[in-house]
Amino acid sequence: MIFLIDDDDIQNLINTKVISLVSDQHPVKAFTSAEMALETLSAGEQPKLIFLDINMPKMNGWDFLDVYHERNLPIDVYMLSSSINNKDIEKSKTYESVKGFICKPLVVEKLTEILKEENLI
């Protein structure tokens, strides 16, 4: 399973389609709030990979990562953001579980590369 965490339903739909094009082996669970994703993780659901947006209401991507690290969760995270701010890219590198920073939109070529790196295809 792959988690998408983005407050934009359209982005989640597009990214779900891209993931299904690359691999139908990994169902996608999309969340429009970071809080709901954390609740699902707390309930014991363990995805193989997480794609996380930065700018979301209430709990943003950085807040999610702070809680995520406090809980010492072992799942690799890729930031998937419309931000091209170098500060965001550099900040993402300070989190051990963040394996990459991708500018939206998610494209087949980049996703294929990531899934291969993660040994998911």
N, C-alpha and C. Protein backbone atom coordinates (compact mmCIF):
# COMPACT_ATOMS: atom_id res chain seq x y z
N MET A 1 0.84 -1.18 0.00
CA MET A 1 0.00 0.00 0.00
C MET A 1 0.89 1.25 0.00
N ILE A 2 0.43 2.27 -0.69
CA ILE A 2 1.10 3.56 -0.73
C ILE A 2 0.14 4.60 -0.19
N PHE A 3 0.63 5.46 0.70
CA PHE A 3 -0.18 6.56 1.23
C PHE A 3 0.14 7.83 0.46
N LEU A 4 -0.91 8.56 0.07
CA LEU A 4 -0.80 9.91 -0.47
C LEU A 4 -1.40 10.84 0.57
N ILE A 5 -0.65 11.85 0.97
CA ILE A 5 -1.17 12.80 1.95
C ILE A 5 -1.10 14.18 1.31
N ASP A 6 -2.25 14.68 0.90
CA ASP A 6 -2.36 15.97 0.21
C ASP A 6 -3.79 16.46 0.39
N ASP A 7 -3.95 17.72 0.74
CA ASP A 7 -5.30 18.24 0.98
C ASP A 7 -6.08 18.49 -0.30
N ASP A 8 -5.45 18.30 -1.45
CA ASP A 8 -6.09 18.53 -2.74
C ASP A 8 -6.59 17.21 -3.33
N ASP A 9 -7.91 17.05 -3.36
CA ASP A 9 -8.51 15.82 -3.89
C ASP A 9 -8.11 15.54 -5.34
N ILE A 10 -7.98 16.60 -6.14
CA ILE A 10 -7.62 16.43 -7.55
C ILE A 10 -6.20 15.87 -7.66
N GLN A 11 -5.28 16.41 -6.87
CA GLN A 11 -3.90 15.90 -6.87
C GLN A 11 -3.88 14.43 -6.44
N ASN A 12 -4.66 14.10 -5.42
CA ASN A 12 -4.71 12.71 -4.98
C ASN A 12 -5.25 11.80 -6.08
N LEU A 13 -6.25 12.25 -6.80
CA LEU A 13 -6.80 11.46 -7.90
C LEU A 13 -5.76 11.27 -9.01
N ILE A 14 -5.11 12.35 -9.41
CA ILE A 14 -4.09 12.27 -10.46
C ILE A 14 -2.95 11.35 -10.02
N ASN A 15 -2.47 11.54 -8.79
CA ASN A 15 -1.35 10.73 -8.32
C ASN A 15 -1.73 9.26 -8.18
N THR A 16 -2.95 8.99 -7.78
CA THR A 16 -3.43 7.61 -7.71
C THR A 16 -3.41 6.97 -9.10
N LYS A 17 -3.84 7.72 -10.11
CA LYS A 17 -3.83 7.21 -11.49
C LYS A 17 -2.40 6.93 -11.95
N VAL A 18 -1.48 7.84 -11.65
CA VAL A 18 -0.08 7.66 -12.05
C VAL A 18 0.49 6.41 -11.39
N ILE A 19 0.22 6.24 -10.11
CA ILE A 19 0.73 5.06 -9.39
C ILE A 19 0.15 3.78 -10.01
N SER A 20 -1.14 3.80 -10.33
CA SER A 20 -1.74 2.59 -10.91
C SER A 20 -1.19 2.30 -12.30
N LEU A 21 -0.76 3.32 -13.03
CA LEU A 21 -0.14 3.11 -14.33
C LEU A 21 1.21 2.40 -14.20
N VAL A 22 1.95 2.76 -13.15
CA VAL A 22 3.29 2.21 -12.96
C VAL A 22 3.24 0.83 -12.32
N SER A 23 2.35 0.67 -11.34
CA SER A 23 2.27 -0.62 -10.64
C SER A 23 0.88 -0.81 -10.06
N ASP A 24 0.26 -1.91 -10.42
CA ASP A 24 -1.04 -2.22 -9.83
C ASP A 24 -0.88 -3.14 -8.62
N GLN A 25 0.36 -3.37 -8.20
CA GLN A 25 0.63 -4.22 -7.04
C GLN A 25 0.43 -3.51 -5.71
N HIS A 26 0.38 -2.17 -5.76
CA HIS A 26 0.33 -1.41 -4.52
C HIS A 26 -0.91 -0.52 -4.49
N PRO A 27 -1.93 -0.93 -3.76
CA PRO A 27 -3.11 -0.06 -3.65
C PRO A 27 -2.72 1.27 -3.01
N VAL A 28 -3.50 2.28 -3.31
CA VAL A 28 -3.24 3.63 -2.80
C VAL A 28 -4.33 4.01 -1.81
N LYS A 29 -3.91 4.62 -0.72
CA LYS A 29 -4.85 5.19 0.22
C LYS A 29 -4.52 6.68 0.29
N ALA A 30 -5.48 7.51 -0.11
CA ALA A 30 -5.28 8.95 -0.15
C ALA A 30 -5.93 9.62 1.06
N PHE A 31 -5.22 10.58 1.62
CA PHE A 31 -5.71 11.33 2.78
C PHE A 31 -5.68 12.81 2.44
N THR A 32 -6.72 13.52 2.82
CA THR A 32 -6.74 14.96 2.62
C THR A 32 -6.33 15.71 3.88
N SER A 33 -5.96 14.97 4.91
CA SER A 33 -5.42 15.61 6.11
C SER A 33 -4.31 14.75 6.70
N ALA A 34 -3.29 15.41 7.17
CA ALA A 34 -2.17 14.71 7.80
C ALA A 34 -2.62 14.02 9.08
N GLU A 35 -3.59 14.63 9.77
CA GLU A 35 -4.09 14.04 11.02
C GLU A 35 -4.70 12.66 10.77
N MET A 36 -5.49 12.56 9.71
CA MET A 36 -6.12 11.26 9.40
C MET A 36 -5.07 10.21 9.04
N ALA A 37 -4.05 10.63 8.33
CA ALA A 37 -2.98 9.69 7.99
C ALA A 37 -2.28 9.20 9.25
N LEU A 38 -2.01 10.10 10.19
CA LEU A 38 -1.37 9.69 11.45
C LEU A 38 -2.26 8.76 12.24
N GLU A 39 -3.57 9.02 12.25
CA GLU A 39 -4.50 8.13 12.96
C GLU A 39 -4.47 6.73 12.35
N THR A 40 -4.43 6.67 11.03
CA THR A 40 -4.39 5.38 10.34
C THR A 40 -3.09 4.65 10.65
N LEU A 41 -1.98 5.38 10.66
CA LEU A 41 -0.69 4.78 11.02
C LEU A 41 -0.73 4.28 12.47
N SER A 42 -1.33 5.08 13.35
CA SER A 42 -1.43 4.70 14.76
C SER A 42 -2.28 3.46 14.96
N ALA A 43 -3.25 3.26 14.06
CA ALA A 43 -4.12 2.09 14.14
C ALA A 43 -3.42 0.83 13.63
N GLY A 44 -2.20 1.00 13.13
CA GLY A 44 -1.42 -0.16 12.73
C GLY A 44 -1.27 -0.40 11.24
N GLU A 45 -1.91 0.43 10.42
CA GLU A 45 -1.75 0.25 8.97
C GLU A 45 -0.36 0.73 8.57
N GLN A 46 0.36 -0.09 7.86
CA GLN A 46 1.73 0.23 7.49
C GLN A 46 1.91 0.20 5.96
N PRO A 47 1.94 1.37 5.34
CA PRO A 47 2.18 1.39 3.91
C PRO A 47 3.64 1.09 3.60
N LYS A 48 3.93 0.84 2.35
CA LYS A 48 5.31 0.62 1.91
C LYS A 48 6.02 1.96 1.68
N LEU A 49 5.22 3.01 1.44
CA LEU A 49 5.76 4.30 1.03
C LEU A 49 4.74 5.39 1.31
N ILE A 50 5.23 6.60 1.59
CA ILE A 50 4.35 7.75 1.81
C ILE A 50 4.80 8.90 0.91
N PHE A 51 3.82 9.50 0.20
CA PHE A 51 4.06 10.75 -0.53
C PHE A 51 3.34 11.83 0.25
N LEU A 52 4.07 12.89 0.62
CA LEU A 52 3.56 13.90 1.55
C LEU A 52 3.68 15.30 0.98
N ASP A 53 2.57 16.03 0.99
CA ASP A 53 2.56 17.44 0.60
C ASP A 53 3.03 18.28 1.79
N ILE A 54 3.52 19.47 1.52
CA ILE A 54 3.96 20.35 2.60
C ILE A 54 2.82 21.25 3.07
N ASN A 55 2.23 21.97 2.15
CA ASN A 55 1.26 23.01 2.51
C ASN A 55 -0.15 22.45 2.61
N MET A 56 -0.56 22.23 3.85
CA MET A 56 -1.91 21.74 4.14
C MET A 56 -2.43 22.51 5.36
N PRO A 57 -3.76 22.66 5.45
CA PRO A 57 -4.31 23.35 6.62
C PRO A 57 -4.17 22.51 7.89
N LYS A 58 -4.28 23.14 9.00
CA LYS A 58 -4.17 22.53 10.33
C LYS A 58 -2.79 21.94 10.54
N MET A 59 -2.55 20.72 10.08
CA MET A 59 -1.25 20.08 10.24
C MET A 59 -0.58 20.03 8.87
N ASN A 60 0.53 20.76 8.73
CA ASN A 60 1.23 20.73 7.44
C ASN A 60 2.21 19.55 7.38
N GLY A 61 2.90 19.42 6.29
CA GLY A 61 3.82 18.30 6.11
C GLY A 61 4.93 18.27 7.14
N TRP A 62 5.44 19.45 7.52
CA TRP A 62 6.52 19.49 8.52
C TRP A 62 6.00 19.04 9.88
N ASP A 63 4.80 19.47 10.23
CA ASP A 63 4.19 19.04 11.50
C ASP A 63 4.01 17.53 11.50
N PHE A 64 3.54 16.99 10.37
CA PHE A 64 3.38 15.54 10.23
C PHE A 64 4.72 14.85 10.48
N LEU A 65 5.77 15.33 9.83
CA LEU A 65 7.09 14.70 9.98
C LEU A 65 7.60 14.76 11.41
N ASP A 66 7.32 15.85 12.10
CA ASP A 66 7.76 15.96 13.50
C ASP A 66 7.10 14.87 14.35
N VAL A 67 5.79 14.69 14.19
CA VAL A 67 5.08 13.65 14.94
C VAL A 67 5.55 12.27 14.48
N TYR A 68 5.71 12.12 13.19
CA TYR A 68 6.16 10.87 12.59
C TYR A 68 7.49 10.42 13.21
N HIS A 69 8.40 11.36 13.35
CA HIS A 69 9.71 11.04 13.92
C HIS A 69 9.65 10.80 15.43
N GLU A 70 8.78 11.51 16.11
CA GLU A 70 8.59 11.25 17.54
C GLU A 70 8.14 9.82 17.77
N ARG A 71 7.31 9.32 16.84
CA ARG A 71 6.79 7.95 16.95
C ARG A 71 7.76 6.92 16.37
N ASN A 72 8.85 7.40 15.76
CA ASN A 72 9.89 6.52 15.23
C ASN A 72 9.36 5.52 14.22
N LEU A 73 8.55 6.01 13.28
CA LEU A 73 7.96 5.15 12.26
C LEU A 73 8.99 4.87 11.16
N PRO A 74 8.99 3.65 10.62
CA PRO A 74 10.07 3.23 9.72
C PRO A 74 9.81 3.38 8.22
N ILE A 75 8.74 4.03 7.81
CA ILE A 75 8.35 4.06 6.40
C ILE A 75 9.01 5.25 5.69
N ASP A 76 9.55 4.99 4.50
CA ASP A 76 10.17 6.05 3.72
C ASP A 76 9.12 7.04 3.24
N VAL A 77 9.51 8.32 3.27
CA VAL A 77 8.63 9.42 2.89
C VAL A 77 9.28 10.18 1.74
N TYR A 78 8.46 10.54 0.76
CA TYR A 78 8.89 11.43 -0.31
C TYR A 78 8.01 12.66 -0.25
N MET A 79 8.63 13.82 -0.17
CA MET A 79 7.88 15.06 -0.20
C MET A 79 7.40 15.26 -1.63
N LEU A 80 6.13 15.57 -1.79
CA LEU A 80 5.53 15.80 -3.10
C LEU A 80 4.83 17.15 -3.01
N SER A 81 5.50 18.18 -3.50
CA SER A 81 5.03 19.53 -3.24
C SER A 81 5.11 20.41 -4.47
N SER A 82 4.31 21.46 -4.47
CA SER A 82 4.39 22.45 -5.54
C SER A 82 5.47 23.48 -5.21
N SER A 83 6.05 23.39 -4.02
CA SER A 83 7.10 24.33 -3.61
C SER A 83 8.38 24.07 -4.38
N ILE A 84 8.99 25.15 -4.84
CA ILE A 84 10.31 25.05 -5.45
C ILE A 84 11.31 25.85 -4.62
N ASN A 85 10.91 26.14 -3.40
CA ASN A 85 11.74 26.91 -2.48
C ASN A 85 12.91 26.04 -1.99
N ASN A 86 14.11 26.51 -2.20
CA ASN A 86 15.30 25.75 -1.77
C ASN A 86 15.31 25.50 -0.26
N LYS A 87 14.71 26.41 0.52
CA LYS A 87 14.64 26.20 1.97
C LYS A 87 13.82 24.96 2.30
N ASP A 88 12.73 24.74 1.56
CA ASP A 88 11.92 23.54 1.77
C ASP A 88 12.70 22.28 1.40
N ILE A 89 13.41 22.34 0.29
CA ILE A 89 14.20 21.19 -0.15
C ILE A 89 15.28 20.87 0.88
N GLU A 90 15.96 21.90 1.36
CA GLU A 90 17.02 21.70 2.36
C GLU A 90 16.43 21.20 3.69
N LYS A 91 15.29 21.75 4.08
CA LYS A 91 14.65 21.31 5.33
C LYS A 91 14.27 19.84 5.24
N SER A 92 13.80 19.40 4.08
CA SER A 92 13.39 18.00 3.93
C SER A 92 14.57 17.06 4.17
N LYS A 93 15.77 17.52 3.86
CA LYS A 93 16.98 16.70 4.04
C LYS A 93 17.35 16.51 5.50
N THR A 94 16.74 17.29 6.40
CA THR A 94 17.05 17.15 7.83
C THR A 94 16.26 16.02 8.48
N TYR A 95 15.32 15.45 7.76
CA TYR A 95 14.52 14.34 8.27
C TYR A 95 15.06 13.03 7.69
N GLU A 96 15.46 12.14 8.56
CA GLU A 96 16.07 10.87 8.13
C GLU A 96 15.15 10.04 7.24
N SER A 97 13.86 10.05 7.51
CA SER A 97 12.94 9.21 6.74
C SER A 97 12.58 9.80 5.38
N VAL A 98 12.88 11.08 5.16
CA VAL A 98 12.58 11.70 3.87
C VAL A 98 13.67 11.31 2.88
N LYS A 99 13.26 10.56 1.88
CA LYS A 99 14.21 10.02 0.90
C LYS A 99 14.31 10.85 -0.37
N GLY A 100 13.40 11.83 -0.52
CA GLY A 100 13.46 12.66 -1.71
C GLY A 100 12.43 13.76 -1.69
N PHE A 101 12.63 14.73 -2.56
CA PHE A 101 11.74 15.88 -2.69
C PHE A 101 11.35 15.97 -4.16
N ILE A 102 10.06 15.84 -4.44
CA ILE A 102 9.56 15.84 -5.80
C ILE A 102 8.64 17.04 -5.98
N CYS A 103 8.86 17.79 -7.05
CA CYS A 103 7.94 18.87 -7.38
C CYS A 103 6.76 18.30 -8.15
N LYS A 104 5.56 18.71 -7.76
CA LYS A 104 4.35 18.26 -8.44
C LYS A 104 4.40 18.69 -9.89
N PRO A 105 3.82 17.94 -10.76
CA PRO A 105 3.06 16.72 -10.54
C PRO A 105 3.96 15.48 -10.50
N LEU A 106 3.44 14.43 -9.91
CA LEU A 106 4.12 13.14 -9.95
C LEU A 106 4.02 12.60 -11.37
N VAL A 107 5.15 12.20 -11.93
CA VAL A 107 5.15 11.70 -13.31
C VAL A 107 5.62 10.25 -13.32
N VAL A 108 5.21 9.54 -14.35
CA VAL A 108 5.50 8.11 -14.47
C VAL A 108 6.99 7.81 -14.34
N GLU A 109 7.82 8.57 -15.03
CA GLU A 109 9.26 8.31 -15.02
C GLU A 109 9.85 8.42 -13.62
N LYS A 110 9.50 9.48 -12.92
CA LYS A 110 10.04 9.69 -11.56
C LYS A 110 9.49 8.64 -10.60
N LEU A 111 8.21 8.34 -10.71
CA LEU A 111 7.62 7.32 -9.83
C LEU A 111 8.26 5.96 -10.08
N THR A 112 8.49 5.62 -11.33
CA THR A 112 9.14 4.35 -11.67
C THR A 112 10.52 4.27 -11.02
N GLU A 113 11.26 5.37 -11.11
CA GLU A 113 12.59 5.44 -10.49
C GLU A 113 12.50 5.21 -8.97
N ILE A 114 11.54 5.86 -8.33
CA ILE A 114 11.38 5.74 -6.88
C ILE A 114 10.99 4.32 -6.50
N LEU A 115 10.02 3.75 -7.19
CA LEU A 115 9.57 2.40 -6.86
C LEU A 115 10.69 1.38 -7.07
N LYS A 116 11.52 1.59 -8.06
CA LYS A 116 12.67 0.71 -8.25
C LYS A 116 13.67 0.86 -7.10
N GLU A 117 13.95 2.11 -6.71
CA GLU A 117 14.87 2.36 -5.60
C GLU A 117 14.35 1.72 -4.31
N GLU A 118 13.04 1.72 -4.14
CA GLU A 118 12.41 1.18 -2.93
C GLU A 118 12.16 -0.33 -3.03
N ASN A 119 12.58 -0.93 -4.16
CA ASN A 119 12.36 -2.36 -4.41
C ASN A 119 10.88 -2.74 -4.37
N LEU A 120 10.05 -1.86 -4.92
CA LEU A 120 8.62 -2.11 -4.96
C LEU A 120 8.14 -2.53 -6.34
N ILE A 121 9.04 -2.49 -7.32
CA ILE A 121 8.74 -3.04 -8.66
C ILE A 121 10.01 -3.71 -9.18
